[in-house]
């Protein structure tokens, strides 16, 4: 059984992985929302709730 904190950490990591894979594209064809199977508005809301910032999925100089 996972604690709520563990569930949130897993959700955060999953979103970050999707954003890295799509090079930060959230919505539209090839976006993280489609990869995750959720509406883009839901993804934006979850990103805000989990305090996910662009610096976390981008690679400096990449």
Foldseek 3Di string as FASTA:
>chain_A
DDDPVVVLVVVLVLLLVLCLQLVNADDDPSHSCVVVVHHSVVSVVSCVVSVPDPVSNDDVVD
